């Protein structure tokens, strides 16, 4: 019974944001008519208000009403597009996405990384930090490395415990450190989330990355 009542109310425009907007517009129009009637009743008979002024007021209100309806339509279209995008992104669940994000290390298994060194550097150093932000390893990589398989060990070559680790690349030229660059890696997608800032992917291990940050996708 509650469902039927809700559907009936929705169809009549009594509930929901669009229904409330329509009610507001109707109320404002009644207020506008009352104001116009009051103007007519209280105008100076010797100096009546020009009829063109009423036409301008009516046209102005009509423009506001049309703008409100346009906004309602745009909001409805945005919601529909958002749902379509979410449905499309849902097919990514279970696939692997590549992005600059924390990587999950489990059972000491090697992890494939994609460094992004600056062109023309003569030395690159990968810095590994744990979830607490502590540096656990620093190692030199080939200056032109675009793919690198790293065994998760600390600076003393001891195996690292399971968890999320972040990778950054220090770039050097002639002994001078340039800006750091991101190290990308693949992670398995477990969930797609929507929000005010756009859609994000929840990765295996708990890392979250924006869809816009994804540079590659694979099964």
N, C-alpha and C. Protein backbone atom coordinates (compact mmCIF):
# COMPACT_ATOMS: atom_id res chain seq x y z
N UNK A 1 0.82 -1.20 0.00
CA UNK A 1 0.00 0.00 0.00
C UNK A 1 0.85 1.25 0.00
N UNK A 2 1.93 1.22 0.77
CA UNK A 2 2.83 2.37 0.84
C UNK A 2 3.50 2.60 -0.51
N UNK A 3 3.86 1.50 -1.21
CA UNK A 3 4.49 1.63 -2.51
C UNK A 3 3.53 2.26 -3.51
N UNK A 4 2.27 1.79 -3.53
CA UNK A 4 1.28 2.35 -4.44
C UNK A 4 1.03 3.81 -4.16
N UNK A 5 0.99 4.17 -2.88
CA UNK A 5 0.76 5.56 -2.51
C UNK A 5 1.91 6.43 -2.98
N UNK A 6 3.14 5.91 -2.84
CA UNK A 6 4.31 6.67 -3.27
C UNK A 6 4.31 6.86 -4.77
N UNK A 7 3.94 5.80 -5.52
CA UNK A 7 3.89 5.90 -6.96
C UNK A 7 2.83 6.90 -7.40
N UNK A 8 1.67 6.85 -6.74
CA UNK A 8 0.60 7.78 -7.07
C UNK A 8 1.01 9.21 -6.82
N UNK A 9 1.70 9.42 -5.68
CA UNK A 9 2.15 10.78 -5.35
C UNK A 9 3.18 11.26 -6.34
N UNK A 10 4.07 10.32 -6.77
CA UNK A 10 5.12 10.70 -7.71
C UNK A 10 4.53 11.11 -9.05
N UNK A 11 3.49 10.34 -9.51
CA UNK A 11 2.89 10.65 -10.80
C UNK A 11 2.16 11.98 -10.76
N UNK A 12 1.58 12.32 -9.62
CA UNK A 12 0.84 13.57 -9.51
C UNK A 12 1.74 14.77 -9.32
N UNK A 13 3.09 14.50 -9.12
CA UNK A 13 4.03 15.60 -8.94
C UNK A 13 4.01 16.16 -7.54
N UNK A 14 3.47 15.42 -6.57
CA UNK A 14 3.37 15.92 -5.21
C UNK A 14 4.63 15.69 -4.42
N UNK A 15 5.46 14.73 -4.84
CA UNK A 15 6.67 14.44 -4.09
C UNK A 15 7.86 14.48 -5.00
N UNK A 16 9.07 14.51 -4.39
CA UNK A 16 10.31 14.53 -5.16
C UNK A 16 10.71 15.93 -5.52
N UNK A 17 12.00 16.11 -5.88
CA UNK A 17 12.52 17.44 -6.20
C UNK A 17 11.78 18.12 -7.34
N UNK A 18 11.45 17.36 -8.41
CA UNK A 18 10.78 17.97 -9.55
C UNK A 18 9.37 18.38 -9.18
N UNK A 19 8.68 17.54 -8.39
CA UNK A 19 7.34 17.88 -7.94
C UNK A 19 7.34 19.13 -7.09
N UNK A 20 8.33 19.24 -6.21
CA UNK A 20 8.43 20.42 -5.35
C UNK A 20 8.70 21.66 -6.20
N UNK A 21 9.53 21.54 -7.24
CA UNK A 21 9.82 22.68 -8.11
C UNK A 21 8.58 23.14 -8.84
N UNK A 22 7.78 22.17 -9.34
CA UNK A 22 6.56 22.54 -10.04
C UNK A 22 5.60 23.25 -9.09
N UNK A 23 5.50 22.75 -7.85
CA UNK A 23 4.63 23.38 -6.86
C UNK A 23 5.10 24.80 -6.56
N UNK A 24 6.43 24.96 -6.47
CA UNK A 24 6.99 26.28 -6.19
C UNK A 24 6.69 27.25 -7.31
N UNK A 25 6.85 26.80 -8.57
CA UNK A 25 6.56 27.66 -9.71
C UNK A 25 5.11 28.08 -9.73
N UNK A 26 4.19 27.12 -9.47
CA UNK A 26 2.77 27.44 -9.45
C UNK A 26 2.45 28.46 -8.36
N UNK A 27 3.06 28.28 -7.18
CA UNK A 27 2.85 29.20 -6.07
C UNK A 27 3.37 30.59 -6.42
N UNK A 28 4.56 30.64 -7.04
CA UNK A 28 5.12 31.93 -7.43
C UNK A 28 4.26 32.62 -8.48
N UNK A 29 3.66 31.85 -9.38
CA UNK A 29 2.82 32.45 -10.41
C UNK A 29 1.57 33.07 -9.78
N UNK A 30 0.99 32.37 -8.79
CA UNK A 30 -0.17 32.92 -8.09
C UNK A 30 0.22 34.22 -7.37
N UNK A 31 1.40 34.21 -6.77
CA UNK A 31 1.88 35.43 -6.10
C UNK A 31 2.06 36.55 -7.09
N UNK A 32 2.59 36.23 -8.26
CA UNK A 32 2.79 37.23 -9.32
C UNK A 32 1.46 37.83 -9.74
N UNK A 33 0.43 36.99 -9.90
CA UNK A 33 -0.89 37.50 -10.30
C UNK A 33 -1.48 38.41 -9.23
N UNK A 34 -1.28 38.02 -7.95
CA UNK A 34 -1.79 38.86 -6.85
C UNK A 34 -1.11 40.21 -6.85
N UNK A 35 0.22 40.21 -7.08
CA UNK A 35 0.96 41.48 -7.11
C UNK A 35 0.48 42.35 -8.27
N UNK A 36 0.24 41.72 -9.44
CA UNK A 36 -0.21 42.49 -10.59
C UNK A 36 -1.60 43.07 -10.33
N UNK A 37 -2.47 42.26 -9.71
CA UNK A 37 -3.81 42.74 -9.37
C UNK A 37 -3.75 43.91 -8.40
N UNK A 38 -2.87 43.80 -7.42
CA UNK A 38 -2.70 44.88 -6.45
C UNK A 38 -2.21 46.15 -7.13
N UNK A 39 -1.29 46.00 -8.07
CA UNK A 39 -0.80 47.16 -8.82
C UNK A 39 -1.94 47.84 -9.57
N UNK A 40 -2.80 47.02 -10.20
CA UNK A 40 -3.92 47.58 -10.96
C UNK A 40 -4.89 48.31 -10.05
N UNK A 41 -5.15 47.73 -8.87
CA UNK A 41 -6.11 48.32 -7.94
C UNK A 41 -5.59 49.63 -7.33
N UNK A 42 -4.31 49.75 -7.18
CA UNK A 42 -3.75 50.89 -6.47
C UNK A 42 -3.02 51.88 -7.38
N UNK A 43 -3.14 51.72 -8.68
CA UNK A 43 -2.46 52.65 -9.57
C UNK A 43 -3.18 54.00 -9.57
N UNK A 44 -2.48 55.01 -9.92
CA UNK A 44 -3.02 56.36 -10.01
C UNK A 44 -3.89 56.46 -11.26
N UNK A 45 -5.20 56.73 -11.12
CA UNK A 45 -6.07 56.81 -12.30
C UNK A 45 -5.60 57.86 -13.30
N UNK A 46 -4.96 58.93 -12.79
CA UNK A 46 -4.50 60.00 -13.67
C UNK A 46 -3.17 59.67 -14.34
N UNK A 47 -2.49 58.67 -13.78
CA UNK A 47 -1.19 58.27 -14.33
C UNK A 47 -1.07 56.75 -14.29
N UNK A 48 -1.91 56.09 -15.06
CA UNK A 48 -1.93 54.61 -15.00
C UNK A 48 -0.62 54.01 -15.49
N UNK A 49 -0.38 52.81 -14.99
CA UNK A 49 0.83 52.10 -15.40
C UNK A 49 0.70 51.68 -16.86
N UNK A 50 1.76 51.89 -17.60
CA UNK A 50 1.78 51.53 -19.02
C UNK A 50 1.59 50.02 -19.16
N UNK A 51 0.71 49.64 -20.09
CA UNK A 51 0.45 48.21 -20.29
C UNK A 51 1.70 47.45 -20.71
N UNK A 52 2.64 48.15 -21.34
CA UNK A 52 3.88 47.48 -21.76
C UNK A 52 4.70 47.03 -20.54
N UNK A 53 4.56 47.74 -19.41
CA UNK A 53 5.27 47.34 -18.20
C UNK A 53 4.77 45.98 -17.72
N UNK A 54 3.43 45.78 -17.81
CA UNK A 54 2.89 44.49 -17.42
C UNK A 54 3.40 43.38 -18.35
N UNK A 55 3.48 43.73 -19.62
CA UNK A 55 3.98 42.73 -20.59
C UNK A 55 5.41 42.34 -20.26
N UNK A 56 6.23 43.32 -19.87
CA UNK A 56 7.61 43.04 -19.51
C UNK A 56 7.67 42.15 -18.28
N UNK A 57 6.84 42.47 -17.27
CA UNK A 57 6.83 41.67 -16.04
C UNK A 57 6.39 40.23 -16.34
N UNK A 58 5.36 40.10 -17.15
CA UNK A 58 4.87 38.77 -17.49
C UNK A 58 5.92 37.98 -18.27
N UNK A 59 6.61 38.66 -19.19
CA UNK A 59 7.66 38.00 -19.97
C UNK A 59 8.82 37.58 -19.07
N UNK A 60 9.15 38.43 -18.10
CA UNK A 60 10.23 38.11 -17.17
C UNK A 60 9.89 36.88 -16.36
N UNK A 61 8.65 36.85 -15.82
CA UNK A 61 8.25 35.68 -15.04
C UNK A 61 8.23 34.43 -15.90
N UNK A 62 7.74 34.57 -17.14
CA UNK A 62 7.68 33.42 -18.05
C UNK A 62 9.08 32.89 -18.31
N UNK A 63 10.07 33.81 -18.44
CA UNK A 63 11.45 33.38 -18.67
C UNK A 63 12.00 32.62 -17.48
N UNK A 64 11.69 33.09 -16.27
CA UNK A 64 12.15 32.41 -15.06
C UNK A 64 11.54 31.02 -14.97
N UNK A 65 10.22 30.94 -15.31
CA UNK A 65 9.54 29.65 -15.27
C UNK A 65 10.16 28.67 -16.26
N UNK A 66 10.46 29.14 -17.47
CA UNK A 66 11.08 28.28 -18.47
C UNK A 66 12.47 27.83 -18.04
N UNK A 67 13.22 28.74 -17.40
CA UNK A 67 14.55 28.38 -16.93
C UNK A 67 14.48 27.31 -15.85
N UNK A 68 13.46 27.42 -14.98
CA UNK A 68 13.28 26.41 -13.93
C UNK A 68 12.99 25.05 -14.54
N UNK A 69 12.12 25.04 -15.55
CA UNK A 69 11.80 23.77 -16.22
C UNK A 69 13.04 23.20 -16.92
N UNK A 70 13.84 24.09 -17.53
CA UNK A 70 15.07 23.64 -18.18
C UNK A 70 16.02 23.01 -17.18
N UNK A 71 16.16 23.65 -16.02
CA UNK A 71 17.03 23.11 -14.98
C UNK A 71 16.54 21.74 -14.52
N UNK A 72 15.22 21.59 -14.40
CA UNK A 72 14.66 20.29 -14.01
C UNK A 72 15.03 19.22 -15.03
N UNK A 73 14.90 19.57 -16.31
CA UNK A 73 15.21 18.61 -17.37
C UNK A 73 16.69 18.24 -17.36
N UNK A 74 17.56 19.24 -17.16
CA UNK A 74 19.00 18.97 -17.13
C UNK A 74 19.37 18.09 -15.95
N UNK A 75 18.74 18.33 -14.79
CA UNK A 75 19.01 17.50 -13.62
C UNK A 75 18.59 16.05 -13.87
N UNK A 76 17.42 15.88 -14.50
CA UNK A 76 16.95 14.53 -14.79
C UNK A 76 17.89 13.83 -15.78
N UNK A 77 18.35 14.56 -16.80
CA UNK A 77 19.26 13.98 -17.79
C UNK A 77 20.60 13.63 -17.14
N UNK A 78 21.08 14.49 -16.24
CA UNK A 78 22.35 14.23 -15.57
C UNK A 78 22.27 12.96 -14.74
N UNK A 79 21.13 12.78 -14.05
CA UNK A 79 20.93 11.56 -13.25
C UNK A 79 20.94 10.33 -14.13
N UNK A 80 20.25 10.42 -15.29
CA UNK A 80 20.20 9.27 -16.20
C UNK A 80 21.57 8.94 -16.76
N UNK A 81 22.33 9.98 -17.17
CA UNK A 81 23.68 9.74 -17.68
C UNK A 81 24.57 9.12 -16.61
N UNK A 82 24.40 9.60 -15.35
CA UNK A 82 25.19 9.05 -14.26
C UNK A 82 24.92 7.58 -14.05
N UNK A 83 23.64 7.18 -14.15
CA UNK A 83 23.29 5.78 -13.99
C UNK A 83 23.84 4.94 -15.15
N UNK A 84 23.81 5.51 -16.38
CA UNK A 84 24.37 4.79 -17.52
C UNK A 84 25.88 4.60 -17.35
N UNK A 85 26.54 5.67 -16.86
CA UNK A 85 27.98 5.57 -16.65
C UNK A 85 28.31 4.55 -15.59
N UNK A 86 27.52 4.52 -14.51
CA UNK A 86 27.75 3.55 -13.45
C UNK A 86 27.57 2.13 -13.97
N UNK A 87 26.53 1.93 -14.80
CA UNK A 87 26.29 0.59 -15.35
C UNK A 87 27.45 0.15 -16.23
N UNK A 88 27.99 1.09 -17.01
CA UNK A 88 29.12 0.76 -17.87
C UNK A 88 30.37 0.45 -17.05
N UNK A 89 30.63 1.26 -16.03
CA UNK A 89 31.80 1.06 -15.19
C UNK A 89 31.71 -0.25 -14.41
N UNK A 90 30.48 -0.69 -14.12
CA UNK A 90 30.32 -1.93 -13.34
C UNK A 90 30.93 -3.12 -14.06
N UNK A 91 31.04 -3.06 -15.39
CA UNK A 91 31.65 -4.16 -16.14
C UNK A 91 33.15 -4.24 -15.89
N UNK A 92 33.74 -3.19 -15.29
CA UNK A 92 35.16 -3.21 -14.98
C UNK A 92 35.48 -4.06 -13.76
N UNK A 93 34.49 -4.31 -12.92
CA UNK A 93 34.74 -5.07 -11.69
C UNK A 93 35.32 -6.44 -12.03
N UNK A 94 36.43 -6.79 -11.39
CA UNK A 94 37.12 -8.04 -11.66
C UNK A 94 38.28 -7.87 -12.61
N UNK A 95 38.30 -6.76 -13.37
CA UNK A 95 39.42 -6.48 -14.27
C UNK A 95 40.55 -5.80 -13.49
N UNK A 96 41.68 -5.60 -14.17
CA UNK A 96 42.81 -4.92 -13.55
C UNK A 96 43.01 -3.57 -14.22
N UNK A 97 43.14 -2.53 -13.41
CA UNK A 97 43.36 -1.17 -13.91
C UNK A 97 44.76 -0.72 -13.51
N UNK A 98 45.39 0.03 -14.42
CA UNK A 98 46.72 0.57 -14.13
C UNK A 98 46.61 2.06 -13.82
N UNK A 99 47.22 2.45 -12.70
CA UNK A 99 47.19 3.85 -12.27
C UNK A 99 48.27 4.06 -11.22
N UNK A 100 48.54 5.32 -10.92
CA UNK A 100 49.45 5.63 -9.82
C UNK A 100 48.66 5.50 -8.53
N UNK A 101 48.92 4.44 -7.79
CA UNK A 101 48.16 4.13 -6.58
C UNK A 101 48.98 3.19 -5.70
N UNK A 102 48.60 3.04 -4.44
CA UNK A 102 49.28 2.07 -3.57
C UNK A 102 49.10 0.66 -4.12
N UNK A 103 50.16 -0.15 -4.00
CA UNK A 103 50.11 -1.53 -4.47
C UNK A 103 49.99 -2.51 -3.32
N UNK A 104 49.23 -3.57 -3.53
CA UNK A 104 49.03 -4.59 -2.51
C UNK A 104 50.10 -5.67 -2.63
N UNK A 105 50.80 -5.89 -1.53
CA UNK A 105 51.81 -6.95 -1.48
C UNK A 105 51.28 -8.09 -0.61
N UNK A 106 51.30 -9.30 -1.15
CA UNK A 106 50.83 -10.47 -0.42
C UNK A 106 51.79 -11.63 -0.63
N UNK A 107 52.13 -12.29 0.46
CA UNK A 107 52.96 -13.50 0.42
C UNK A 107 54.30 -13.30 -0.28
N UNK A 108 54.82 -12.09 -0.26
CA UNK A 108 56.12 -11.83 -0.86
C UNK A 108 56.18 -11.96 -2.35
N UNK A 109 55.02 -11.95 -3.02
CA UNK A 109 55.00 -12.11 -4.48
C UNK A 109 55.52 -10.85 -5.17
N UNK A 110 56.26 -11.03 -6.25
CA UNK A 110 56.78 -9.90 -7.02
C UNK A 110 55.63 -9.08 -7.59
N UNK A 111 55.88 -7.79 -7.75
CA UNK A 111 54.85 -6.89 -8.24
C UNK A 111 55.39 -6.15 -9.46
N UNK A 112 54.57 -6.07 -10.51
CA UNK A 112 54.98 -5.41 -11.75
C UNK A 112 54.69 -3.92 -11.65
N UNK A 113 55.70 -3.10 -11.89
CA UNK A 113 55.59 -1.66 -11.78
C UNK A 113 55.86 -1.00 -13.13
N UNK A 114 55.30 0.19 -13.30
CA UNK A 114 55.52 0.98 -14.53
C UNK A 114 56.04 2.35 -14.14
N UNK A 115 57.38 2.49 -14.01
CA UNK A 115 57.96 3.79 -13.68
C UNK A 115 57.75 4.80 -14.82
N UNK A 116 57.77 6.07 -14.46
CA UNK A 116 57.63 7.13 -15.46
C UNK A 116 58.74 8.16 -15.27
N UNK A 117 59.98 7.79 -15.62
CA UNK A 117 61.09 8.74 -15.43
C UNK A 117 60.99 9.92 -16.39
N UNK A 118 61.56 11.05 -15.98
CA UNK A 118 61.61 12.22 -16.84
C UNK A 118 62.64 11.99 -17.94
N UNK A 119 62.33 12.44 -19.14
CA UNK A 119 63.25 12.26 -20.26
C UNK A 119 64.56 13.01 -20.01
N UNK A 120 65.67 12.35 -20.33
CA UNK A 120 66.96 13.00 -20.24
C UNK A 120 67.64 12.90 -18.89
N UNK A 121 67.07 12.15 -17.93
CA UNK A 121 67.71 12.03 -16.63
C UNK A 121 68.83 11.00 -16.71
N UNK A 122 69.78 11.07 -15.77
CA UNK A 122 70.88 10.10 -15.76
C UNK A 122 70.83 9.16 -14.56
N UNK A 123 69.80 9.37 -13.68
CA UNK A 123 69.64 8.47 -12.54
C UNK A 123 68.20 8.55 -12.04
N UNK A 124 67.63 7.38 -11.73
CA UNK A 124 66.29 7.33 -11.15
C UNK A 124 66.33 6.42 -9.94
N UNK A 125 65.65 6.86 -8.87
CA UNK A 125 65.61 6.10 -7.62
C UNK A 125 64.15 5.89 -7.23
N UNK A 126 63.76 4.65 -7.05
CA UNK A 126 62.40 4.36 -6.61
C UNK A 126 62.36 4.32 -5.08
N UNK A 127 61.41 5.05 -4.54
CA UNK A 127 61.24 5.12 -3.08
C UNK A 127 59.96 4.37 -2.72
N UNK A 128 60.08 3.44 -1.77
CA UNK A 128 58.95 2.63 -1.35
C UNK A 128 58.58 3.02 0.08
N UNK A 129 57.31 3.36 0.30
CA UNK A 129 56.84 3.69 1.65
C UNK A 129 55.68 2.78 2.02
N UNK A 130 55.57 2.50 3.31
CA UNK A 130 54.48 1.64 3.78
C UNK A 130 53.23 2.48 4.08
N UNK A 131 52.20 1.82 4.59
CA UNK A 131 50.94 2.50 4.85
C UNK A 131 51.06 3.58 5.91
N UNK A 132 52.09 3.49 6.76
CA UNK A 132 52.31 4.50 7.80
C UNK A 132 53.16 5.67 7.29
N UNK A 133 53.54 5.62 6.01
CA UNK A 133 54.34 6.70 5.44
C UNK A 133 55.83 6.57 5.69
N UNK A 134 56.29 5.41 6.19
CA UNK A 134 57.71 5.19 6.47
C UNK A 134 58.41 4.65 5.22
N UNK A 135 59.58 5.19 4.92
CA UNK A 135 60.36 4.68 3.79
C UNK A 135 60.96 3.33 4.16
N UNK A 136 60.64 2.30 3.39
CA UNK A 136 61.13 0.96 3.70
C UNK A 136 62.20 0.50 2.71
N UNK A 137 62.30 1.22 1.58
CA UNK A 137 63.33 0.84 0.62
C UNK A 137 63.57 1.98 -0.37
N UNK A 138 64.81 2.04 -0.84
CA UNK A 138 65.21 2.94 -1.92
C UNK A 138 66.11 2.15 -2.85
N UNK A 139 65.81 2.15 -4.12
CA UNK A 139 66.64 1.38 -5.04
C UNK A 139 66.73 2.08 -6.39
N UNK A 140 67.94 1.99 -6.99
CA UNK A 140 68.16 2.57 -8.31
C UNK A 140 67.54 1.68 -9.38
N UNK A 141 66.90 2.32 -10.33
CA UNK A 141 66.32 1.63 -11.47
C UNK A 141 67.01 2.08 -12.75
N UNK A 142 66.93 1.28 -13.79
CA UNK A 142 67.46 1.74 -15.09
C UNK A 142 66.78 3.06 -15.47
N UNK A 143 67.56 4.01 -15.97
CA UNK A 143 67.03 5.35 -16.21
C UNK A 143 65.96 5.39 -17.31
N UNK A 144 65.91 4.35 -18.13
CA UNK A 144 64.91 4.30 -19.18
C UNK A 144 63.85 3.23 -18.91
N UNK A 145 63.75 2.80 -17.67
CA UNK A 145 62.82 1.71 -17.32
C UNK A 145 61.37 2.16 -17.46
N UNK A 146 60.59 1.39 -18.18
CA UNK A 146 59.15 1.63 -18.27
C UNK A 146 58.37 0.47 -17.66
N UNK A 147 59.02 -0.68 -17.52
CA UNK A 147 58.43 -1.83 -16.84
C UNK A 147 59.49 -2.40 -15.90
N UNK A 148 59.06 -2.73 -14.69
CA UNK A 148 60.03 -3.26 -13.72
C UNK A 148 59.29 -4.19 -12.76
N UNK A 149 59.83 -5.40 -12.59
CA UNK A 149 59.25 -6.36 -11.66
C UNK A 149 60.07 -6.34 -10.37
N UNK A 150 59.41 -5.99 -9.29
CA UNK A 150 60.11 -5.78 -8.03
C UNK A 150 59.69 -6.82 -7.00
N UNK A 151 60.69 -7.43 -6.38
CA UNK A 151 60.44 -8.35 -5.27
C UNK A 151 60.34 -7.54 -3.99
N UNK A 152 59.24 -7.66 -3.25
CA UNK A 152 59.00 -6.80 -2.08
C UNK A 152 59.92 -7.12 -0.89
N UNK A 153 61.05 -6.42 -0.86
CA UNK A 153 61.99 -6.54 0.27
C UNK A 153 62.33 -5.14 0.75
N UNK A 154 62.81 -5.07 2.00
CA UNK A 154 63.21 -3.77 2.52
C UNK A 154 64.65 -3.47 2.12
N UNK A 155 65.20 -2.40 2.65
CA UNK A 155 66.54 -1.96 2.26
C UNK A 155 67.62 -2.95 2.70
N UNK A 156 67.27 -3.82 3.67
CA UNK A 156 68.20 -4.85 4.13
C UNK A 156 67.96 -6.18 3.44
N UNK A 157 67.11 -6.17 2.39
CA UNK A 157 66.78 -7.37 1.62
C UNK A 157 65.91 -8.35 2.40
N UNK A 158 65.30 -7.89 3.48
CA UNK A 158 64.39 -8.74 4.24
C UNK A 158 62.98 -8.62 3.64
N UNK A 159 62.22 -9.73 3.60
CA UNK A 159 60.87 -9.67 3.02
C UNK A 159 59.98 -8.67 3.76
N UNK A 160 59.18 -7.97 3.00
CA UNK A 160 58.25 -7.00 3.59
C UNK A 160 56.95 -7.69 3.98
N UNK A 161 56.32 -7.25 5.07
CA UNK A 161 55.02 -7.84 5.45
C UNK A 161 53.94 -7.46 4.45
N UNK A 162 52.86 -8.24 4.45
CA UNK A 162 51.74 -7.95 3.56
C UNK A 162 51.15 -6.57 3.88
N UNK A 163 50.63 -5.93 2.85
CA UNK A 163 50.02 -4.63 3.05
C UNK A 163 50.10 -3.76 1.81
N UNK A 164 49.66 -2.50 1.96
CA UNK A 164 49.70 -1.55 0.86
C UNK A 164 50.99 -0.72 0.92
N UNK A 165 51.61 -0.54 -0.23
CA UNK A 165 52.85 0.23 -0.32
C UNK A 165 52.74 1.23 -1.48
N UNK A 166 53.34 2.39 -1.26
CA UNK A 166 53.31 3.45 -2.27
C UNK A 166 54.69 3.61 -2.89
N UNK A 167 54.71 3.90 -4.20
CA UNK A 167 55.96 3.99 -4.95
C UNK A 167 56.05 5.35 -5.64
N UNK A 168 57.19 6.01 -5.48
CA UNK A 168 57.47 7.25 -6.19
C UNK A 168 58.86 7.17 -6.80
N UNK A 169 59.09 7.99 -7.80
CA UNK A 169 60.36 7.95 -8.52
C UNK A 169 61.07 9.30 -8.40
N UNK A 170 62.29 9.26 -7.84
CA UNK A 170 63.13 10.45 -7.79
C UNK A 170 63.96 10.52 -9.06
N UNK A 171 63.95 11.68 -9.71
CA UNK A 171 64.67 11.86 -10.98
C UNK A 171 65.87 12.79 -10.76
N UNK A 172 67.04 12.37 -11.28
CA UNK A 172 68.27 13.15 -11.11
C UNK A 172 68.91 13.42 -12.48
N UNK A 173 69.46 14.62 -12.61
CA UNK A 173 70.25 14.97 -13.79
C UNK A 173 71.48 15.77 -13.32
N UNK A 174 72.68 15.24 -13.64
CA UNK A 174 73.94 15.88 -13.22
C UNK A 174 73.98 16.11 -11.71
N UNK A 175 73.47 15.14 -10.98
CA UNK A 175 73.50 15.21 -9.53
C UNK A 175 72.41 16.07 -8.92
N UNK A 176 71.62 16.73 -9.74
CA UNK A 176 70.54 17.58 -9.23
C UNK A 176 69.22 16.83 -9.27
N UNK A 177 68.50 16.85 -8.15
CA UNK A 177 67.22 16.17 -8.10
C UNK A 177 66.14 17.02 -8.74
N UNK A 178 65.44 16.44 -9.70
CA UNK A 178 64.32 17.11 -10.35
C UNK A 178 63.03 16.72 -9.64
N UNK A 179 61.91 17.02 -10.24
CA UNK A 179 60.65 16.68 -9.59
C UNK A 179 60.43 15.16 -9.57
N UNK A 180 59.69 14.70 -8.56
CA UNK A 180 59.35 13.28 -8.47
C UNK A 180 58.24 12.97 -9.47
N UNK A 181 58.22 11.74 -9.93
CA UNK A 181 57.15 11.28 -10.82
C UNK A 181 56.50 10.04 -10.24
N UNK A 182 55.30 9.75 -10.75
CA UNK A 182 54.52 8.63 -10.21
C UNK A 182 55.00 7.31 -10.79
N UNK A 183 54.79 6.27 -10.02
CA UNK A 183 55.03 4.89 -10.48
C UNK A 183 53.67 4.22 -10.56
N UNK A 184 53.30 3.76 -11.74
CA UNK A 184 52.00 3.12 -11.92
C UNK A 184 52.11 1.61 -11.74
N UNK A 185 51.00 0.99 -11.43
CA UNK A 185 50.94 -0.46 -11.30
C UNK A 185 49.51 -0.92 -11.51
N UNK A 186 49.34 -2.20 -11.74
CA UNK A 186 48.02 -2.77 -11.94
C UNK A 186 47.43 -3.22 -10.60
N UNK A 187 46.14 -3.03 -10.47
CA UNK A 187 45.41 -3.51 -9.30
C UNK A 187 44.06 -4.03 -9.72
N UNK A 188 43.54 -5.00 -8.99
CA UNK A 188 42.25 -5.59 -9.35
C UNK A 188 41.11 -4.75 -8.79
N UNK A 189 40.12 -4.47 -9.65
CA UNK A 189 38.97 -3.65 -9.26
C UNK A 189 37.94 -4.53 -8.54
N UNK A 190 37.52 -4.07 -7.37
CA UNK A 190 36.51 -4.82 -6.61
C UNK A 190 35.17 -4.10 -6.55
N UNK A 191 35.18 -2.78 -6.81
CA UNK A 191 33.93 -2.03 -6.69
C UNK A 191 34.06 -0.70 -7.44
N UNK A 192 32.93 -0.24 -7.98
CA UNK A 192 32.86 1.08 -8.61
C UNK A 192 31.96 1.95 -7.75
N UNK A 193 32.43 3.15 -7.43
CA UNK A 193 31.68 4.06 -6.57
C UNK A 193 31.44 5.39 -7.28
N UNK A 194 30.27 5.96 -7.03
CA UNK A 194 29.94 7.27 -7.56
C UNK A 194 29.90 8.29 -6.44
N UNK A 195 30.18 9.54 -6.76
CA UNK A 195 30.16 10.60 -5.76
C UNK A 195 30.16 11.96 -6.41
N UNK A 196 30.15 12.99 -5.56
CA UNK A 196 30.10 14.36 -6.07
C UNK A 196 31.33 14.70 -6.92
N UNK A 197 32.45 14.07 -6.62
CA UNK A 197 33.68 14.37 -7.36
C UNK A 197 33.89 13.44 -8.55
N UNK A 198 32.92 12.59 -8.84
CA UNK A 198 33.03 11.67 -9.96
C UNK A 198 33.15 10.22 -9.50
N UNK A 199 33.31 9.33 -10.46
CA UNK A 199 33.38 7.90 -10.14
C UNK A 199 34.80 7.49 -9.76
N UNK A 200 34.86 6.62 -8.77
CA UNK A 200 36.14 6.09 -8.31
C UNK A 200 36.09 4.57 -8.29
N UNK A 201 37.28 3.97 -8.31
CA UNK A 201 37.39 2.51 -8.27
C UNK A 201 38.00 2.09 -6.94
N UNK A 202 37.37 1.12 -6.31
CA UNK A 202 37.94 0.51 -5.10
C UNK A 202 38.73 -0.71 -5.52
N UNK A 203 40.01 -0.71 -5.15
CA UNK A 203 40.90 -1.78 -5.59
C UNK A 203 41.07 -2.83 -4.50
N UNK A 204 41.52 -3.99 -4.90
CA UNK A 204 41.81 -5.06 -3.96
C UNK A 204 42.87 -4.58 -2.96
N UNK A 205 42.57 -4.69 -1.69
CA UNK A 205 43.46 -4.20 -0.66
C UNK A 205 42.99 -2.90 -0.04
N UNK A 206 42.00 -2.22 -0.71
CA UNK A 206 41.41 -1.02 -0.11
C UNK A 206 41.81 0.29 -0.75
N UNK A 207 42.77 0.29 -1.67
CA UNK A 207 43.16 1.54 -2.32
C UNK A 207 42.00 2.04 -3.19
N UNK A 208 41.86 3.36 -3.27
CA UNK A 208 40.80 3.96 -4.07
C UNK A 208 41.43 4.91 -5.08
N UNK A 209 40.98 4.83 -6.33
CA UNK A 209 41.58 5.63 -7.39
C UNK A 209 40.49 6.19 -8.29
N UNK A 210 40.68 7.41 -8.76
CA UNK A 210 39.72 8.03 -9.66
C UNK A 210 39.73 7.34 -11.01
N UNK A 211 38.56 7.22 -11.62
CA UNK A 211 38.47 6.63 -12.95
C UNK A 211 39.33 7.42 -13.94
N UNK A 212 39.40 8.74 -13.75
CA UNK A 212 40.16 9.58 -14.66
C UNK A 212 41.66 9.30 -14.58
N UNK A 213 42.13 8.68 -13.47
CA UNK A 213 43.56 8.41 -13.30
C UNK A 213 43.99 7.11 -13.95
N UNK A 214 43.05 6.30 -14.42
CA UNK A 214 43.35 5.00 -15.03
C UNK A 214 43.97 5.21 -16.41
N UNK A 215 45.11 4.58 -16.66
CA UNK A 215 45.80 4.72 -17.95
C UNK A 215 45.75 3.44 -18.78
N UNK A 216 45.34 2.32 -18.18
CA UNK A 216 45.22 1.06 -18.93
C UNK A 216 44.28 0.13 -18.18
N UNK A 217 43.70 -0.81 -18.92
CA UNK A 217 42.76 -1.76 -18.35
C UNK A 217 42.98 -3.11 -19.02
N UNK A 218 42.94 -4.18 -18.21
CA UNK A 218 43.12 -5.51 -18.77
C UNK A 218 42.29 -6.51 -17.97
N UNK A 219 41.98 -7.64 -18.62
CA UNK A 219 41.20 -8.69 -17.95
C UNK A 219 42.07 -9.44 -16.97
